[in-house]
Amino acid sequence: MHSEVHSEISEAGSTAAPTPPIAQPVALPDAPPQTVKVKNKVIDKKFIAVMATLGGAESLRFTTHKLVLDHELDAGAPWVASVPPNEHLVTKYAGIYAAELLVAYELKKPHTWLPGDRIIRKLWWVYPAVMVPIHIKNGVRSIRTQPPSCPASECGSQ
């Protein structure tokens, strides 16, 4: 190609710079129709709100129960021999909450192999919704705990 351009320049007797050949436009084939696949978001605002509410309710229950045990131990209640350390309780209850979170996530996530998956995915929130009032009720009950009507020394001797 270079020799052809050079020979054309020398034949014409022109010293001007050669112009590059212009490429002809090529017709591109039609693009296949694009199908937009909507992803099923598992972790959305509703999921975060429901699971945060469950976490808050569980925290209320566990914290108030621990405080009741601490107060009863300090008061010398004979039915409280010891109170588990905070680290143990945090680890235990964090594991339980993580399992509940994982189950809710898996229930909400689509599964092609599972028959009736659409119905199951719609009901992922039932367990957290049922457990929230139970945890709140238990937490409020712990908050309302009254000291024993008799001193610990007298209650233990009966």
Protein backbone atom coordinates (compact mmCIF):
# COMPACT_ATOMS: atom_id res chain seq x y z
CA MET A 1 0.00 0.00 0.00
CA HIS A 2 2.86 2.35 0.85
CA SER A 3 4.45 1.77 -2.55
CA GLU A 4 1.15 2.52 -4.33
CA VAL A 5 0.78 5.84 -2.54
CA HIS A 6 4.40 6.72 -3.23
CA SER A 7 4.05 5.91 -6.94
CA GLU A 8 0.89 8.05 -7.22
CA ILE A 9 2.69 10.99 -5.67
CA SER A 10 5.66 10.69 -7.97
CA GLU A 11 3.42 10.36 -11.05
CA ALA A 12 1.46 13.43 -10.20
CA GLY A 13 4.64 15.34 -9.46
CA SER A 14 3.05 16.68 -6.31
CA THR A 15 5.03 17.15 -3.13
CA ALA A 16 1.95 17.52 -0.93
CA ALA A 17 1.46 15.07 1.90
CA PRO A 18 -0.55 12.01 0.96
CA THR A 19 -4.12 11.83 2.28
CA PRO A 20 -4.97 8.63 4.06
CA PRO A 21 -7.59 6.48 2.41
CA ILE A 22 -11.10 6.99 3.80
CA ALA A 23 -12.78 3.89 5.13
CA GLN A 24 -16.22 3.18 3.82
CA PRO A 25 -18.94 2.91 6.50
CA VAL A 26 -19.91 -0.64 7.21
CA ALA A 27 -23.50 -1.46 8.01
CA LEU A 28 -23.70 -3.14 11.40
CA PRO A 29 -26.23 -5.89 12.01
CA ASP A 30 -29.22 -5.04 14.15
CA ALA A 31 -28.57 -5.56 17.83
CA PRO A 32 -30.54 -8.35 19.44
CA PRO A 33 -33.41 -7.13 21.62
CA GLN A 34 -32.21 -6.36 25.12
CA THR A 35 -34.12 -7.98 27.92
CA VAL A 36 -33.79 -6.09 31.14
CA LYS A 37 -33.55 -8.52 34.00
CA VAL A 38 -34.79 -7.03 37.23
CA LYS A 39 -32.88 -8.36 40.19
CA ASN A 40 -34.91 -9.44 43.14
CA LYS A 41 -33.43 -7.40 45.95
CA VAL A 42 -33.37 -9.43 49.11
CA ILE A 43 -31.94 -6.81 51.43
CA ASP A 44 -34.23 -3.86 50.93
CA LYS A 45 -35.67 -1.22 53.25
CA LYS A 46 -38.42 -3.52 54.49
CA PHE A 47 -35.95 -6.31 55.29
CA ILE A 48 -33.68 -3.93 57.18
CA ALA A 49 -36.59 -2.39 59.10
CA VAL A 50 -38.11 -5.75 60.10
CA MET A 51 -34.82 -7.31 61.14
CA ALA A 52 -33.69 -4.17 62.99
CA THR A 53 -36.97 -4.18 64.90
CA LEU A 54 -36.42 -7.82 65.82
CA GLY A 55 -32.86 -7.05 66.92
CA GLY A 56 -34.05 -4.15 69.06
CA ALA A 57 -36.77 -6.23 70.69
CA GLU A 58 -34.33 -9.05 71.43
CA SER A 59 -31.85 -6.56 72.88
CA LEU A 60 -34.55 -5.17 75.16
CA ARG A 61 -35.43 -8.63 76.41
CA PHE A 62 -31.88 -9.84 76.95
CA THR A 63 -30.68 -6.61 78.58
CA THR A 64 -33.58 -6.32 81.01
CA HIS A 65 -33.34 -10.00 81.93
CA LYS A 66 -29.62 -9.59 82.66
CA LEU A 67 -30.33 -6.53 84.82
CA VAL A 68 -32.98 -8.44 86.79
CA LEU A 69 -30.51 -11.26 87.44
CA ASP A 70 -27.84 -8.75 88.53
CA HIS A 71 -30.25 -7.06 90.97
CA GLU A 72 -31.49 -10.38 92.36
CA LEU A 73 -27.93 -11.60 92.89
CA ASP A 74 -27.01 -8.33 94.63
CA ALA A 75 -30.10 -8.64 96.85
CA GLY A 76 -29.01 -12.12 97.88
CA ALA A 77 -31.84 -14.05 96.23
CA PRO A 78 -31.26 -17.76 96.87
CA TRP A 79 -32.57 -18.76 93.44
CA VAL A 80 -29.74 -16.86 91.68
CA ALA A 81 -26.44 -18.62 92.27
CA SER A 82 -24.48 -16.70 89.63
CA VAL A 83 -24.96 -14.45 86.62
CA PRO A 84 -23.26 -15.33 83.34
CA PRO A 85 -20.64 -12.82 82.15
CA ASN A 86 -21.64 -10.24 79.55
CA GLU A 87 -19.26 -11.61 76.91
CA HIS A 88 -20.90 -15.03 77.12
CA LEU A 89 -24.39 -13.59 76.74
CA VAL A 90 -23.43 -11.28 73.89
CA THR A 91 -21.81 -14.16 72.01
CA LYS A 92 -24.74 -16.48 72.64
CA TYR A 93 -27.48 -14.03 71.67
CA ALA A 94 -25.55 -12.59 68.72
CA GLY A 95 -25.31 -16.13 67.34
CA ILE A 96 -29.04 -16.63 67.76
CA TYR A 97 -29.80 -13.33 66.02
CA ALA A 98 -27.36 -14.14 63.21
CA ALA A 99 -29.17 -17.45 62.65
CA GLU A 100 -32.54 -15.68 62.55
CA LEU A 101 -31.15 -13.14 60.11
CA LEU A 102 -29.74 -15.86 57.87
CA VAL A 103 -33.02 -17.81 57.87
CA ALA A 104 -35.02 -14.68 56.98
CA TYR A 105 -32.54 -13.88 54.20
CA GLU A 106 -32.73 -17.40 52.79
CA LEU A 107 -36.52 -17.41 52.94
CA LYS A 108 -36.72 -14.12 51.06
CA LYS A 109 -34.11 -15.08 48.46
CA PRO A 110 -35.46 -16.73 45.27
CA HIS A 111 -34.78 -20.45 44.81
CA THR A 112 -35.50 -22.02 41.44
CA TRP A 113 -35.35 -25.56 42.83
CA LEU A 114 -37.94 -24.99 45.56
CA PRO A 115 -41.59 -25.67 44.73
CA GLY A 116 -43.90 -22.97 46.05
CA ASP A 117 -41.00 -20.55 46.29
CA ARG A 118 -43.12 -17.49 45.49
CA ILE A 119 -45.40 -18.12 48.46
CA ILE A 120 -42.49 -18.79 50.82
CA ARG A 121 -40.71 -15.61 49.72
CA LYS A 122 -43.82 -13.57 50.50
CA LEU A 123 -44.00 -14.94 54.05
CA TRP A 124 -40.38 -14.37 55.14
CA TRP A 125 -41.44 -11.66 57.60
CA VAL A 126 -43.88 -13.81 59.63
CA TYR A 127 -41.35 -15.17 62.15
CA PRO A 128 -39.80 -11.78 62.96
CA ALA A 129 -43.25 -10.17 63.17
CA VAL A 130 -44.44 -12.82 65.63
CA MET A 131 -41.29 -12.72 67.75
CA VAL A 132 -41.08 -8.92 68.16
CA PRO A 133 -44.15 -8.61 70.44
CA ILE A 134 -43.06 -11.66 72.43
CA HIS A 135 -39.60 -10.19 73.10
CA ILE A 136 -41.08 -6.78 73.95
CA LYS A 137 -43.61 -8.36 76.33
CA ASN A 138 -40.85 -10.33 78.10
CA GLY A 139 -38.64 -7.24 78.29
CA VAL A 140 -41.41 -5.12 79.78
CA ARG A 141 -42.18 -7.92 82.25
CA SER A 142 -38.52 -7.88 83.33
CA ILE A 143 -38.63 -4.09 83.72
CA ARG A 144 -41.71 -4.39 85.95
CA THR A 145 -40.11 -7.03 88.17
CA GLN A 146 -40.69 -6.15 91.82
CA PRO A 147 -38.40 -7.07 94.69
CA PRO A 148 -39.57 -10.06 96.71
CA SER A 149 -42.19 -9.35 99.39
CA CYS A 150 -39.97 -10.90 102.04
CA PRO A 151 -36.24 -10.45 102.60
CA ALA A 152 -34.03 -13.07 100.98
CA SER A 153 -33.03 -14.55 104.33
CA GLU A 154 -36.67 -15.13 105.32
CA CYS A 155 -37.80 -16.38 101.89
CA GLY A 156 -35.09 -19.03 101.84
CA SER A 157 -36.06 -20.43 105.26
CA GLN A 158 -39.71 -21.12 104.39
